[in-house]
Amino acid sequence: MIDFHLSWPGMHHRKTREQTSTGKVYYTTKQWLTKKAECHIREVVKERLAP
């Protein structure tokens, strides 16, 4: 279970649509990276993989 008060920095929550194996639809909350965090991660990867 996710503790919403202690989420990681650079994360935000999105409501997503899920479906059970029997076909019932329900909505749940998941954590996603923010765009700023994604950009930072890409920059770090590029720096480390640069020749």
PDB file of N, CA and C in Angstrom:
ATOM      1  N   MET A   1       0.839  -1.184   0.000  1.00  0.00           N
ATOM      2  CA  MET A   1       0.000   0.000   0.000  1.00  0.00           C
ATOM      3  C   MET A   1       0.884   1.247   0.000  1.00  0.00           C
ATOM      4  N   ILE A   2       0.500   2.237  -0.745  1.00  0.00           N
ATOM      5  CA  ILE A   2       1.268   3.469  -0.868  1.00  0.00           C
ATOM      6  C   ILE A   2       0.866   4.423   0.247  1.00  0.00           C
ATOM      7  N   ASP A   3       1.874   4.964   0.949  1.00  0.00           N
ATOM      8  CA  ASP A   3       1.610   5.988   1.950  1.00  0.00           C
ATOM      9  C   ASP A   3       1.732   7.336   1.241  1.00  0.00           C
ATOM     10  N   PHE A   4       0.623   7.995   1.011  1.00  0.00           N
ATOM     11  CA  PHE A   4       0.604   9.214   0.209  1.00  0.00           C
ATOM     12  C   PHE A   4       1.284  10.392   0.890  1.00  0.00           C
ATOM     13  N   HIS A   5       1.510  10.304   2.196  1.00  0.00           N
ATOM     14  CA  HIS A   5       2.161  11.402   2.905  1.00  0.00           C
ATOM     15  C   HIS A   5       3.678  11.323   2.785  1.00  0.00           C
ATOM     16  N   LEU A   6       4.203  10.164   2.407  1.00  0.00           N
ATOM     17  CA  LEU A   6       5.647   9.975   2.328  1.00  0.00           C
ATOM     18  C   LEU A   6       6.088   9.595   0.921  1.00  0.00           C
ATOM     19  N   SER A   7       5.512  10.213  -0.105  1.00  0.00           N
ATOM     20  CA  SER A   7       5.883   9.870  -1.477  1.00  0.00           C
ATOM     21  C   SER A   7       7.270  10.432  -1.789  1.00  0.00           C
ATOM     22  N   TRP A   8       7.936   9.810  -2.755  1.00  0.00           N
ATOM     23  CA  TRP A   8       9.280  10.208  -3.137  1.00  0.00           C
ATOM     24  C   TRP A   8       9.272  11.586  -3.784  1.00  0.00           C
ATOM     25  N   PRO A   9      10.365  12.347  -3.631  1.00  0.00           N
ATOM     26  CA  PRO A   9      10.451  13.623  -4.333  1.00  0.00           C
ATOM     27  C   PRO A   9      10.473  13.380  -5.840  1.00  0.00           C
ATOM     28  N   GLY A  10       9.852  14.261  -6.581  1.00  0.00           N
ATOM     29  CA  GLY A  10       9.809  14.099  -8.023  1.00  0.00           C
ATOM     30  C   GLY A  10       8.699  13.176  -8.491  1.00  0.00           C
ATOM     31  N   MET A  11       7.773  12.853  -7.593  1.00  0.00           N
ATOM     32  CA  MET A  11       6.674  11.962  -7.941  1.00  0.00           C
ATOM     33  C   MET A  11       5.353  12.712  -7.776  1.00  0.00           C
ATOM     34  N   HIS A  12       4.369  12.336  -8.571  1.00  0.00           N
ATOM     35  CA  HIS A  12       3.018  12.816  -8.342  1.00  0.00           C
ATOM     36  C   HIS A  12       2.066  11.655  -8.585  1.00  0.00           C
ATOM     37  N   HIS A  13       0.816  11.841  -8.251  1.00  0.00           N
ATOM     38  CA  HIS A  13      -0.154  10.756  -8.308  1.00  0.00           C
ATOM     39  C   HIS A  13      -1.124  10.966  -9.461  1.00  0.00           C
ATOM     40  N   ARG A  14      -1.459   9.862 -10.119  1.00  0.00           N
ATOM     41  CA  ARG A  14      -2.441   9.892 -11.198  1.00  0.00           C
ATOM     42  C   ARG A  14      -3.472   8.808 -10.951  1.00  0.00           C
ATOM     43  N   LYS A  15      -4.707   9.133 -11.272  1.00  0.00           N
ATOM     44  CA  LYS A  15      -5.768   8.142 -11.185  1.00  0.00           C
ATOM     45  C   LYS A  15      -5.759   7.349 -12.489  1.00  0.00           C
ATOM     46  N   THR A  16      -5.659   6.017 -12.398  1.00  0.00           N
ATOM     47  CA  THR A  16      -5.608   5.176 -13.585  1.00  0.00           C
ATOM     48  C   THR A  16      -6.756   4.177 -13.587  1.00  0.00           C
ATOM     49  N   ARG A  17      -7.132   3.759 -14.777  1.00  0.00           N
ATOM     50  CA  ARG A  17      -8.228   2.802 -14.951  1.00  0.00           C
ATOM     51  C   ARG A  17      -7.645   1.397 -14.968  1.00  0.00           C
ATOM     52  N   GLU A  18      -8.174   0.511 -14.161  1.00  0.00           N
ATOM     53  CA  GLU A  18      -7.728  -0.876 -14.098  1.00  0.00           C
ATOM     54  C   GLU A  18      -8.911  -1.786 -14.378  1.00  0.00           C
ATOM     55  N   GLN A  19      -8.603  -3.025 -14.718  1.00  0.00           N
ATOM     56  CA  GLN A  19      -9.658  -3.989 -15.005  1.00  0.00           C
ATOM     57  C   GLN A  19      -9.294  -5.322 -14.358  1.00  0.00           C
ATOM     58  N   THR A  20     -10.264  -5.958 -13.705  1.00  0.00           N
ATOM     59  CA  THR A  20     -10.036  -7.253 -13.082  1.00  0.00           C
ATOM     60  C   THR A  20     -10.076  -8.353 -14.137  1.00  0.00           C
ATOM     61  N   SER A  21      -9.712  -9.558 -13.739  1.00  0.00           N
ATOM     62  CA  SER A  21      -9.731 -10.684 -14.679  1.00  0.00           C
ATOM     63  C   SER A  21     -11.153 -11.039 -15.106  1.00  0.00           C
ATOM     64  N   THR A  22     -12.146 -10.632 -14.306  1.00  0.00           N
ATOM     65  CA  THR A  22     -13.540 -10.902 -14.665  1.00  0.00           C
ATOM     66  C   THR A  22     -14.155  -9.776 -15.483  1.00  0.00           C
ATOM     67  N   GLY A  23     -13.378  -8.709 -15.748  1.00  0.00           N
ATOM     68  CA  GLY A  23     -13.855  -7.630 -16.602  1.00  0.00           C
ATOM     69  C   GLY A  23     -14.411  -6.423 -15.876  1.00  0.00           C
ATOM     70  N   LYS A  24     -14.394  -6.445 -14.541  1.00  0.00           N
ATOM     71  CA  LYS A  24     -14.891  -5.278 -13.805  1.00  0.00           C
ATOM     72  C   LYS A  24     -13.861  -4.155 -13.872  1.00  0.00           C
ATOM     73  N   VAL A  25     -14.337  -2.928 -14.045  1.00  0.00           N
ATOM     74  CA  VAL A  25     -13.466  -1.762 -14.158  1.00  0.00           C
ATOM     75  C   VAL A  25     -13.459  -1.018 -12.832  1.00  0.00           C
ATOM     76  N   TYR A  26     -12.265  -0.607 -12.414  1.00  0.00           N
ATOM     77  CA  TYR A  26     -12.137   0.209 -11.209  1.00  0.00           C
ATOM     78  C   TYR A  26     -10.992   1.193 -11.422  1.00  0.00           C
ATOM     79  N   TYR A  27     -10.943   2.222 -10.605  1.00  0.00           N
ATOM     80  CA  TYR A  27      -9.917   3.249 -10.707  1.00  0.00           C
ATOM     81  C   TYR A  27      -9.033   3.200  -9.472  1.00  0.00           C
ATOM     82  N   THR A  28      -7.743   3.359  -9.692  1.00  0.00           N
ATOM     83  CA  THR A  28      -6.789   3.327  -8.597  1.00  0.00           C
ATOM     84  C   THR A  28      -5.793   4.471  -8.778  1.00  0.00           C
ATOM     85  N   THR A  29      -5.056   4.783  -7.742  1.00  0.00           N
ATOM     86  CA  THR A  29      -4.070   5.851  -7.784  1.00  0.00           C
ATOM     87  C   THR A  29      -2.677   5.244  -7.869  1.00  0.00           C
ATOM     88  N   LYS A  30      -1.869   5.733  -8.818  1.00  0.00           N
ATOM     89  CA  LYS A  30      -0.497   5.256  -8.976  1.00  0.00           C
ATOM     90  C   LYS A  30       0.454   6.440  -8.952  1.00  0.00           C
ATOM     91  N   GLN A  31       1.718   6.167  -8.610  1.00  0.00           N
ATOM     92  CA  GLN A  31       2.725   7.217  -8.585  1.00  0.00           C
ATOM     93  C   GLN A  31       3.434   7.288  -9.935  1.00  0.00           C
ATOM     94  N   TRP A  32       3.684   8.509 -10.415  1.00  0.00           N
ATOM     95  CA  TRP A  32       4.372   8.754 -11.680  1.00  0.00           C
ATOM     96  C   TRP A  32       5.484   9.757 -11.436  1.00  0.00           C
ATOM     97  N   LEU A  33       6.536   9.674 -12.252  1.00  0.00           N
ATOM     98  CA  LEU A  33       7.601  10.676 -12.205  1.00  0.00           C
ATOM     99  C   LEU A  33       7.095  11.996 -12.774  1.00  0.00           C
ATOM    100  N   THR A  34       7.563  13.091 -12.216  1.00  0.00           N
ATOM    101  CA  THR A  34       7.240  14.392 -12.791  1.00  0.00           C
ATOM    102  C   THR A  34       8.127  14.601 -14.016  1.00  0.00           C
ATOM    103  N   LYS A  35       7.745  15.532 -14.876  1.00  0.00           N
ATOM    104  CA  LYS A  35       8.538  15.807 -16.081  1.00  0.00           C
ATOM    105  C   LYS A  35       9.929  16.307 -15.712  1.00  0.00           C
ATOM    106  N   LYS A  36      10.015  17.107 -14.653  1.00  0.00           N
ATOM    107  CA  LYS A  36      11.308  17.623 -14.210  1.00  0.00           C
ATOM    108  C   LYS A  36      12.227  16.478 -13.779  1.00  0.00           C
ATOM    109  N   ALA A  37      11.677  15.516 -13.054  1.00  0.00           N
ATOM    110  CA  ALA A  37      12.475  14.368 -12.610  1.00  0.00           C
ATOM    111  C   ALA A  37      12.908  13.515 -13.801  1.00  0.00           C
ATOM    112  N   GLU A  38      12.018  13.315 -14.771  1.00  0.00           N
ATOM    113  CA  GLU A  38      12.364  12.546 -15.971  1.00  0.00           C
ATOM    114  C   GLU A  38      13.511  13.209 -16.724  1.00  0.00           C
ATOM    115  N   CYS A  39      13.438  14.521 -16.892  1.00  0.00           N
ATOM    116  CA  CYS A  39      14.494  15.257 -17.605  1.00  0.00           C
ATOM    117  C   CYS A  39      15.824  15.129 -16.871  1.00  0.00           C
ATOM    118  N   HIS A  40      15.795  15.225 -15.551  1.00  0.00           N
ATOM    119  CA  HIS A  40      17.021  15.115 -14.763  1.00  0.00           C
ATOM    120  C   HIS A  40      17.635  13.723 -14.917  1.00  0.00           C
ATOM    121  N   ILE A  41      16.809  12.700 -14.873  1.00  0.00           N
ATOM    122  CA  ILE A  41      17.301  11.333 -15.027  1.00  0.00           C
ATOM    123  C   ILE A  41      17.922  11.148 -16.407  1.00  0.00           C
ATOM    124  N   ARG A  42      17.280  11.675 -17.453  1.00  0.00           N
ATOM    125  CA  ARG A  42      17.826  11.562 -18.813  1.00  0.00           C
ATOM    126  C   ARG A  42      19.179  12.259 -18.925  1.00  0.00           C
ATOM    127  N   GLU A  43      19.310  13.443 -18.307  1.00  0.00           N
ATOM    128  CA  GLU A  43      20.576  14.171 -18.348  1.00  0.00           C
ATOM    129  C   GLU A  43      21.686  13.373 -17.666  1.00  0.00           C
ATOM    130  N   VAL A  44      21.385  12.784 -16.520  1.00  0.00           N
ATOM    131  CA  VAL A  44      22.383  11.998 -15.791  1.00  0.00           C
ATOM    132  C   VAL A  44      22.805  10.783 -16.608  1.00  0.00           C
ATOM    133  N   VAL A  45      21.855  10.115 -17.238  1.00  0.00           N
ATOM    134  CA  VAL A  45      22.174   8.940 -18.058  1.00  0.00           C
ATOM    135  C   VAL A  45      23.041   9.345 -19.242  1.00  0.00           C
ATOM    136  N   LYS A  46      22.708  10.455 -19.906  1.00  0.00           N
ATOM    137  CA  LYS A  46      23.506  10.921 -21.045  1.00  0.00           C
ATOM    138  C   LYS A  46      24.932  11.241 -20.619  1.00  0.00           C
ATOM    139  N   GLU A  47      25.095  11.889 -19.455  1.00  0.00           N
ATOM    140  CA  GLU A  47      26.431  12.229 -18.962  1.00  0.00           C
ATOM    141  C   GLU A  47      27.250  10.972 -18.692  1.00  0.00           C
ATOM    142  N   ARG A  48      26.631   9.983 -18.088  1.00  0.00           N
ATOM    143  CA  ARG A  48      27.357   8.768 -17.711  1.00  0.00           C
ATOM    144  C   ARG A  48      27.653   7.861 -18.899  1.00  0.00           C
ATOM    145  N   LEU A  49      26.834   7.917 -19.935  1.00  0.00           N
ATOM    146  CA  LEU A  49      27.047   7.062 -21.104  1.00  0.00           C
ATOM    147  C   LEU A  49      27.806   7.757 -22.226  1.00  0.00           C
ATOM    148  N   ALA A  50      28.121   9.033 -22.044  1.00  0.00           N
ATOM    149  CA  ALA A  50      28.843   9.779 -23.079  1.00  0.00           C
ATOM    150  C   ALA A  50      30.246   9.193 -23.249  1.00  0.00           C
ATOM    151  N   PRO A  51      30.746   9.159 -24.489  1.00  0.00           N
ATOM    152  CA  PRO A  51      32.090   8.588 -24.731  1.00  0.00           C
ATOM    153  C   PRO A  51      33.209   9.433 -24.156  1.00  0.00           C
TER     154      PRO A  51
END
